[in-house]
Amino acid sequence: MFIGTGERASMELLSANPAMSFYKHSGTSYSTPLVANIAAQIQKKYHLLKAQTIKALIVNGASLDSIKFNSPFAKLLNKTAGNGIVNPVASNTSTDNSITFIIEDEIQPEEMKVIPIHFPE
């Protein structure tokens, strides 16, 4: 819900807080600067990536793990929290236990591509 106009304009929002489940607060553009910063970090590191690839890295790096819902509302989590809380580390790097493998290519219907992956020993 929007509150005020002009320089005093802000937005009231329902947001995820790992400690409190959800809470209501008002302010101006909470997540936009955070997500823009993560996108800029990814673009700086991988300057040739397309915008949709950067978006996919951010979305797939997000997690619902730290958002807690008490029963019987736990089933509403996916409907209210989207992909979860963004994680700049998960969006931008691989770990010892998981890799992010990026291929920007096109594939046509009824087509299959095989891409060999060689792991170090």
Foldseek 3Di string as FASTA:
>chain_A
DWDDDDPPIKDWDWDFDLVPQIDIDIGHDDCVVVLVVLLVVQCVVVVPDDPVLLVVLFLVQADQVSRDDDPPCPVCSCVPQPSHHTDSDSSRAADPVGHDDDDDDDDDPPGDDDDDDDDDD
